[in-house]
Amino acid sequence: MDKWKPTQEQQSGPITRTFDFFNDELNDLQEELNCPDDFIYNFLEVVRNQWSPDSCHSKARQHKRDTPDAY
């Protein structure tokens, strides 16, 4: 199975838009909490871990994609 790679259109559209949104939200969060970059970095690691292929969250998302009629 080939590794998925976004198209140039996806990269310049929804991926860039989401990247910008995340950065804006993280800047707002940091400003609201008055927290250091280290907190934001660790916070992102928690989010990242939920998207690990081995996480139960990832497995549940895949199951939902594989069996949409079950939901």
PDB file of N, CA and C in Angstrom:
ATOM      1  N   MET A   1       0.839  -1.177   0.000  1.00  0.00           N
ATOM      2  CA  MET A   1       0.000   0.000   0.000  1.00  0.00           C
ATOM      3  C   MET A   1       0.890   1.249   0.000  1.00  0.00           C
ATOM      4  N   ASP A   2       0.621   2.161  -0.921  1.00  0.00           N
ATOM      5  CA  ASP A   2       1.393   3.398  -1.014  1.00  0.00           C
ATOM      6  C   ASP A   2       1.014   4.351   0.114  1.00  0.00           C
ATOM      7  N   LYS A   3       2.011   5.094   0.573  1.00  0.00           N
ATOM      8  CA  LYS A   3       1.763   6.105   1.595  1.00  0.00           C
ATOM      9  C   LYS A   3       0.949   7.235   0.976  1.00  0.00           C
ATOM     10  N   TRP A   4      -0.091   7.666   1.695  1.00  0.00           N
ATOM     11  CA  TRP A   4      -0.955   8.735   1.190  1.00  0.00           C
ATOM     12  C   TRP A   4      -0.184  10.042   1.140  1.00  0.00           C
ATOM     13  N   LYS A   5      -0.395  10.783   0.075  1.00  0.00           N
ATOM     14  CA  LYS A   5       0.236  12.087  -0.083  1.00  0.00           C
ATOM     15  C   LYS A   5      -0.815  13.051  -0.631  1.00  0.00           C
ATOM     16  N   PRO A   6      -0.945  14.242  -0.041  1.00  0.00           N
ATOM     17  CA  PRO A   6      -1.944  15.186  -0.527  1.00  0.00           C
ATOM     18  C   PRO A   6      -1.572  15.748  -1.891  1.00  0.00           C
ATOM     19  N   THR A   7      -2.593  16.124  -2.627  1.00  0.00           N
ATOM     20  CA  THR A   7      -2.365  16.786  -3.903  1.00  0.00           C
ATOM     21  C   THR A   7      -1.941  18.230  -3.635  1.00  0.00           C
ATOM     22  N   GLN A   8      -1.433  18.886  -4.645  1.00  0.00           N
ATOM     23  CA  GLN A   8      -1.053  20.292  -4.506  1.00  0.00           C
ATOM     24  C   GLN A   8      -2.282  21.129  -4.150  1.00  0.00           C
ATOM     25  N   GLU A   9      -3.418  20.797  -4.745  1.00  0.00           N
ATOM     26  CA  GLU A   9      -4.669  21.524  -4.456  1.00  0.00           C
ATOM     27  C   GLU A   9      -5.074  21.331  -2.991  1.00  0.00           C
ATOM     28  N   GLN A  10      -4.952  20.115  -2.475  1.00  0.00           N
ATOM     29  CA  GLN A  10      -5.268  19.869  -1.072  1.00  0.00           C
ATOM     30  C   GLN A  10      -4.283  20.603  -0.166  1.00  0.00           C
ATOM     31  N   GLN A  11      -3.019  20.602  -0.556  1.00  0.00           N
ATOM     32  CA  GLN A  11      -1.983  21.265   0.244  1.00  0.00           C
ATOM     33  C   GLN A  11      -2.234  22.766   0.333  1.00  0.00           C
ATOM     34  N   SER A  12      -2.575  23.370  -0.786  1.00  0.00           N
ATOM     35  CA  SER A  12      -2.755  24.822  -0.802  1.00  0.00           C
ATOM     36  C   SER A  12      -4.154  25.239  -0.353  1.00  0.00           C
ATOM     37  N   GLY A  13      -5.065  24.288  -0.246  1.00  0.00           N
ATOM     38  CA  GLY A  13      -6.434  24.604   0.174  1.00  0.00           C
ATOM     39  C   GLY A  13      -6.697  24.216   1.617  1.00  0.00           C
ATOM     40  N   PRO A  14      -7.345  23.064   1.837  1.00  0.00           N
ATOM     41  CA  PRO A  14      -7.767  22.718   3.194  1.00  0.00           C
ATOM     42  C   PRO A  14      -6.616  22.491   4.181  1.00  0.00           C
ATOM     43  N   ILE A  15      -5.476  22.016   3.716  1.00  0.00           N
ATOM     44  CA  ILE A  15      -4.365  21.776   4.644  1.00  0.00           C
ATOM     45  C   ILE A  15      -3.793  23.107   5.136  1.00  0.00           C
ATOM     46  N   THR A  16      -3.548  24.027   4.224  1.00  0.00           N
ATOM     47  CA  THR A  16      -3.048  25.345   4.623  1.00  0.00           C
ATOM     48  C   THR A  16      -4.072  26.074   5.484  1.00  0.00           C
ATOM     49  N   ARG A  17      -5.331  25.990   5.114  1.00  0.00           N
ATOM     50  CA  ARG A  17      -6.401  26.647   5.884  1.00  0.00           C
ATOM     51  C   ARG A  17      -6.454  26.086   7.310  1.00  0.00           C
ATOM     52  N   THR A  18      -6.341  24.775   7.455  1.00  0.00           N
ATOM     53  CA  THR A  18      -6.385  24.153   8.776  1.00  0.00           C
ATOM     54  C   THR A  18      -5.136  24.496   9.583  1.00  0.00           C
ATOM     55  N   PHE A  19      -3.983  24.500   8.944  1.00  0.00           N
ATOM     56  CA  PHE A  19      -2.741  24.892   9.614  1.00  0.00           C
ATOM     57  C   PHE A  19      -2.858  26.307  10.179  1.00  0.00           C
ATOM     58  N   ASP A  20      -3.349  27.224   9.359  1.00  0.00           N
ATOM     59  CA  ASP A  20      -3.512  28.611   9.806  1.00  0.00           C
ATOM     60  C   ASP A  20      -4.516  28.708  10.952  1.00  0.00           C
ATOM     61  N   PHE A  21      -5.608  27.943  10.855  1.00  0.00           N
ATOM     62  CA  PHE A  21      -6.628  27.937  11.907  1.00  0.00           C
ATOM     63  C   PHE A  21      -6.028  27.443  13.224  1.00  0.00           C
ATOM     64  N   PHE A  22      -5.297  26.324  13.166  1.00  0.00           N
ATOM     65  CA  PHE A  22      -4.672  25.797  14.380  1.00  0.00           C
ATOM     66  C   PHE A  22      -3.740  26.823  15.007  1.00  0.00           C
ATOM     67  N   ASN A  23      -2.909  27.430  14.200  1.00  0.00           N
ATOM     68  CA  ASN A  23      -1.976  28.422  14.736  1.00  0.00           C
ATOM     69  C   ASN A  23      -2.697  29.599  15.364  1.00  0.00           C
ATOM     70  N   ASP A  24      -3.737  30.082  14.723  1.00  0.00           N
ATOM     71  CA  ASP A  24      -4.522  31.186  15.296  1.00  0.00           C
ATOM     72  C   ASP A  24      -5.131  30.781  16.632  1.00  0.00           C
ATOM     73  N   GLU A  25      -5.713  29.584  16.677  1.00  0.00           N
ATOM     74  CA  GLU A  25      -6.341  29.105  17.916  1.00  0.00           C
ATOM     75  C   GLU A  25      -5.307  28.914  19.023  1.00  0.00           C
ATOM     76  N   LEU A  26      -4.144  28.379  18.683  1.00  0.00           N
ATOM     77  CA  LEU A  26      -3.104  28.181  19.690  1.00  0.00           C
ATOM     78  C   LEU A  26      -2.551  29.505  20.192  1.00  0.00           C
ATOM     79  N   ASN A  27      -2.422  30.477  19.305  1.00  0.00           N
ATOM     80  CA  ASN A  27      -1.994  31.811  19.746  1.00  0.00           C
ATOM     81  C   ASN A  27      -3.020  32.427  20.680  1.00  0.00           C
ATOM     82  N   ASP A  28      -4.310  32.270  20.355  1.00  0.00           N
ATOM     83  CA  ASP A  28      -5.378  32.784  21.218  1.00  0.00           C
ATOM     84  C   ASP A  28      -5.358  32.085  22.576  1.00  0.00           C
ATOM     85  N   LEU A  29      -5.168  30.765  22.563  1.00  0.00           N
ATOM     86  CA  LEU A  29      -5.114  30.002  23.811  1.00  0.00           C
ATOM     87  C   LEU A  29      -3.945  30.466  24.674  1.00  0.00           C
ATOM     88  N   GLN A  30      -2.803  30.621  24.046  1.00  0.00           N
ATOM     89  CA  GLN A  30      -1.628  31.051  24.790  1.00  0.00           C
ATOM     90  C   GLN A  30      -1.833  32.440  25.394  1.00  0.00           C
ATOM     91  N   GLU A  31      -2.447  33.304  24.627  1.00  0.00           N
ATOM     92  CA  GLU A  31      -2.707  34.656  25.122  1.00  0.00           C
ATOM     93  C   GLU A  31      -3.700  34.626  26.274  1.00  0.00           C
ATOM     94  N   GLU A  32      -4.756  33.824  26.129  1.00  0.00           N
ATOM     95  CA  GLU A  32      -5.782  33.740  27.179  1.00  0.00           C
ATOM     96  C   GLU A  32      -5.225  33.142  28.471  1.00  0.00           C
ATOM     97  N   LEU A  33      -4.394  32.109  28.348  1.00  0.00           N
ATOM     98  CA  LEU A  33      -3.847  31.442  29.530  1.00  0.00           C
ATOM     99  C   LEU A  33      -2.574  32.090  30.048  1.00  0.00           C
ATOM    100  N   ASN A  34      -1.953  32.895  29.195  1.00  0.00           N
ATOM    101  CA  ASN A  34      -0.649  33.474  29.518  1.00  0.00           C
ATOM    102  C   ASN A  34       0.345  32.361  29.871  1.00  0.00           C
ATOM    103  N   CYS A  35       0.374  31.339  29.027  1.00  0.00           N
ATOM    104  CA  CYS A  35       1.220  30.168  29.269  1.00  0.00           C
ATOM    105  C   CYS A  35       2.436  30.189  28.348  1.00  0.00           C
ATOM    106  N   PRO A  36       3.464  29.453  28.716  1.00  0.00           N
ATOM    107  CA  PRO A  36       4.668  29.409  27.887  1.00  0.00           C
ATOM    108  C   PRO A  36       4.481  28.499  26.666  1.00  0.00           C
ATOM    109  N   ASP A  37       5.390  28.646  25.716  1.00  0.00           N
ATOM    110  CA  ASP A  37       5.377  27.798  24.519  1.00  0.00           C
ATOM    111  C   ASP A  37       5.430  26.319  24.886  1.00  0.00           C
ATOM    112  N   ASP A  38       6.145  26.001  25.938  1.00  0.00           N
ATOM    113  CA  ASP A  38       6.295  24.616  26.366  1.00  0.00           C
ATOM    114  C   ASP A  38       4.932  23.971  26.662  1.00  0.00           C
ATOM    115  N   PHE A  39       4.011  24.738  27.257  1.00  0.00           N
ATOM    116  CA  PHE A  39       2.678  24.201  27.521  1.00  0.00           C
ATOM    117  C   PHE A  39       1.970  23.874  26.211  1.00  0.00           C
ATOM    118  N   ILE A  40       2.028  24.779  25.245  1.00  0.00           N
ATOM    119  CA  ILE A  40       1.387  24.560  23.949  1.00  0.00           C
ATOM    120  C   ILE A  40       2.005  23.352  23.262  1.00  0.00           C
ATOM    121  N   TYR A  41       3.302  23.227  23.321  1.00  0.00           N
ATOM    122  CA  TYR A  41       4.013  22.094  22.732  1.00  0.00           C
ATOM    123  C   TYR A  41       3.527  20.777  23.337  1.00  0.00           C
ATOM    124  N   ASN A  42       3.453  20.716  24.652  1.00  0.00           N
ATOM    125  CA  ASN A  42       2.985  19.501  25.323  1.00  0.00           C
ATOM    126  C   ASN A  42       1.511  19.233  25.048  1.00  0.00           C
ATOM    127  N   PHE A  43       0.732  20.265  24.956  1.00  0.00           N
ATOM    128  CA  PHE A  43      -0.690  20.141  24.619  1.00  0.00           C
ATOM    129  C   PHE A  43      -0.845  19.514  23.228  1.00  0.00           C
ATOM    130  N   LEU A  44      -0.041  19.970  22.297  1.00  0.00           N
ATOM    131  CA  LEU A  44      -0.104  19.413  20.936  1.00  0.00           C
ATOM    132  C   LEU A  44       0.310  17.943  20.910  1.00  0.00           C
ATOM    133  N   GLU A  45       1.208  17.559  21.791  1.00  0.00           N
ATOM    134  CA  GLU A  45       1.603  16.154  21.844  1.00  0.00           C
ATOM    135  C   GLU A  45       0.433  15.273  22.285  1.00  0.00           C
ATOM    136  N   VAL A  46      -0.367  15.758  23.208  1.00  0.00           N
ATOM    137  CA  VAL A  46      -1.557  15.012  23.635  1.00  0.00           C
ATOM    138  C   VAL A  46      -2.514  14.845  22.455  1.00  0.00           C
ATOM    139  N   VAL A  47      -2.717  15.920  21.714  1.00  0.00           N
ATOM    140  CA  VAL A  47      -3.585  15.852  20.528  1.00  0.00           C
ATOM    141  C   VAL A  47      -2.973  14.898  19.506  1.00  0.00           C
ATOM    142  N   ARG A  48      -1.701  15.025  19.262  1.00  0.00           N
ATOM    143  CA  ARG A  48      -0.993  14.176  18.293  1.00  0.00           C
ATOM    144  C   ARG A  48      -1.136  12.703  18.636  1.00  0.00           C
ATOM    145  N   ASN A  49      -1.033  12.376  19.898  1.00  0.00           N
ATOM    146  CA  ASN A  49      -1.126  10.981  20.317  1.00  0.00           C
ATOM    147  C   ASN A  49      -2.487  10.362  19.993  1.00  0.00           C
ATOM    148  N   GLN A  50      -3.526  11.178  19.960  1.00  0.00           N
ATOM    149  CA  GLN A  50      -4.848  10.653  19.610  1.00  0.00           C
ATOM    150  C   GLN A  50      -4.930  10.267  18.138  1.00  0.00           C
ATOM    151  N   TRP A  51      -3.999  10.741  17.334  1.00  0.00           N
ATOM    152  CA  TRP A  51      -3.993  10.443  15.897  1.00  0.00           C
ATOM    153  C   TRP A  51      -2.947   9.392  15.532  1.00  0.00           C
ATOM    154  N   SER A  52      -2.281   8.834  16.533  1.00  0.00           N
ATOM    155  CA  SER A  52      -1.339   7.749  16.278  1.00  0.00           C
ATOM    156  C   SER A  52      -2.108   6.554  15.708  1.00  0.00           C
ATOM    157  N   PRO A  53      -1.569   5.884  14.703  1.00  0.00           N
ATOM    158  CA  PRO A  53      -2.265   4.721  14.140  1.00  0.00           C
ATOM    159  C   PRO A  53      -2.554   3.633  15.172  1.00  0.00           C
ATOM    160  N   ASP A  54      -1.816   3.630  16.274  1.00  0.00           N
ATOM    161  CA  ASP A  54      -2.017   2.617  17.308  1.00  0.00           C
ATOM    162  C   ASP A  54      -3.003   3.034  18.397  1.00  0.00           C
ATOM    163  N   SER A  55      -3.462   4.276  18.359  1.00  0.00           N
ATOM    164  CA  SER A  55      -4.353   4.745  19.422  1.00  0.00           C
ATOM    165  C   SER A  55      -5.759   4.187  19.239  1.00  0.00           C
ATOM    166  N   CYS A  56      -6.466   4.068  20.342  1.00  0.00           N
ATOM    167  CA  CYS A  56      -7.852   3.588  20.253  1.00  0.00           C
ATOM    168  C   CYS A  56      -8.711   4.589  19.482  1.00  0.00           C
ATOM    169  N   HIS A  57      -8.382   5.887  19.549  1.00  0.00           N
ATOM    170  CA  HIS A  57      -9.132   6.903  18.801  1.00  0.00           C
ATOM    171  C   HIS A  57      -8.985   6.676  17.301  1.00  0.00           C
ATOM    172  N   SER A  58      -7.765   6.406  16.877  1.00  0.00           N
ATOM    173  CA  SER A  58      -7.508   6.164  15.461  1.00  0.00           C
ATOM    174  C   SER A  58      -8.202   4.891  14.986  1.00  0.00           C
ATOM    175  N   LYS A  59      -8.123   3.853  15.787  1.00  0.00           N
ATOM    176  CA  LYS A  59      -8.777   2.593  15.425  1.00  0.00           C
ATOM    177  C   LYS A  59     -10.289   2.759  15.340  1.00  0.00           C
ATOM    178  N   ALA A  60     -10.863   3.544  16.232  1.00  0.00           N
ATOM    179  CA  ALA A  60     -12.307   3.792  16.190  1.00  0.00           C
ATOM    180  C   ALA A  60     -12.680   4.590  14.938  1.00  0.00           C
ATOM    181  N   ARG A  61     -11.870   5.585  14.579  1.00  0.00           N
ATOM    182  CA  ARG A  61     -12.149   6.351  13.354  1.00  0.00           C
ATOM    183  C   ARG A  61     -12.083   5.446  12.131  1.00  0.00           C
ATOM    184  N   GLN A  62     -11.082   4.559  12.091  1.00  0.00           N
ATOM    185  CA  GLN A  62     -10.952   3.642  10.960  1.00  0.00           C
ATOM    186  C   GLN A  62     -12.136   2.682  10.903  1.00  0.00           C
ATOM    187  N   HIS A  63     -12.554   2.174  12.036  1.00  0.00           N
ATOM    188  CA  HIS A  63     -13.708   1.270  12.077  1.00  0.00           C
ATOM    189  C   HIS A  63     -14.950   1.974  11.561  1.00  0.00           C
ATOM    190  N   LYS A  64     -15.117   3.225  11.929  1.00  0.00           N
ATOM    191  CA  LYS A  64     -16.274   4.003  11.467  1.00  0.00           C
ATOM    192  C   LYS A  64     -16.216   4.200   9.951  1.00  0.00           C
ATOM    193  N   ARG A  65     -15.014   4.425   9.413  1.00  0.00           N
ATOM    194  CA  ARG A  65     -14.870   4.568   7.950  1.00  0.00           C
ATOM    195  C   ARG A  65     -15.139   3.244   7.253  1.00  0.00           C
ATOM    196  N   ASP A  66     -14.694   2.140   7.865  1.00  0.00           N
ATOM    197  CA  ASP A  66     -14.853   0.833   7.253  1.00  0.00           C
ATOM    198  C   ASP A  66     -16.273   0.305   7.341  1.00  0.00           C
ATOM    199  N   THR A  67     -17.007   0.709   8.364  1.00  0.00           N
ATOM    200  CA  THR A  67     -18.371   0.197   8.554  1.00  0.00           C
ATOM    201  C   THR A  67     -19.339   1.347   8.848  1.00  0.00           C
ATOM    202  N   PRO A  68     -19.544   2.250   7.885  1.00  0.00           N
ATOM    203  CA  PRO A  68     -20.386   3.431   8.145  1.00  0.00           C
ATOM    204  C   PRO A  68     -21.842   3.066   8.465  1.00  0.00           C
ATOM    205  N   ASP A  69     -22.310   1.941   7.970  1.00  0.00           N
ATOM    206  CA  ASP A  69     -23.707   1.554   8.237  1.00  0.00           C
ATOM    207  C   ASP A  69     -23.931   1.176   9.698  1.00  0.00           C
ATOM    208  N   ALA A  70     -22.872   0.900  10.410  1.00  0.00           N
ATOM    209  CA  ALA A  70     -23.001   0.527  11.816  1.00  0.00           C
ATOM    210  C   ALA A  70     -23.218   1.751  12.713  1.00  0.00           C
ATOM    211  N   TYR A  71     -23.097   2.952  12.132  1.00  0.00           N
ATOM    212  CA  TYR A  71     -23.213   4.177  12.941  1.00  0.00           C
ATOM    213  C   TYR A  71     -24.404   4.986  12.580  1.00  0.00           C
TER     214      TYR A  71
END
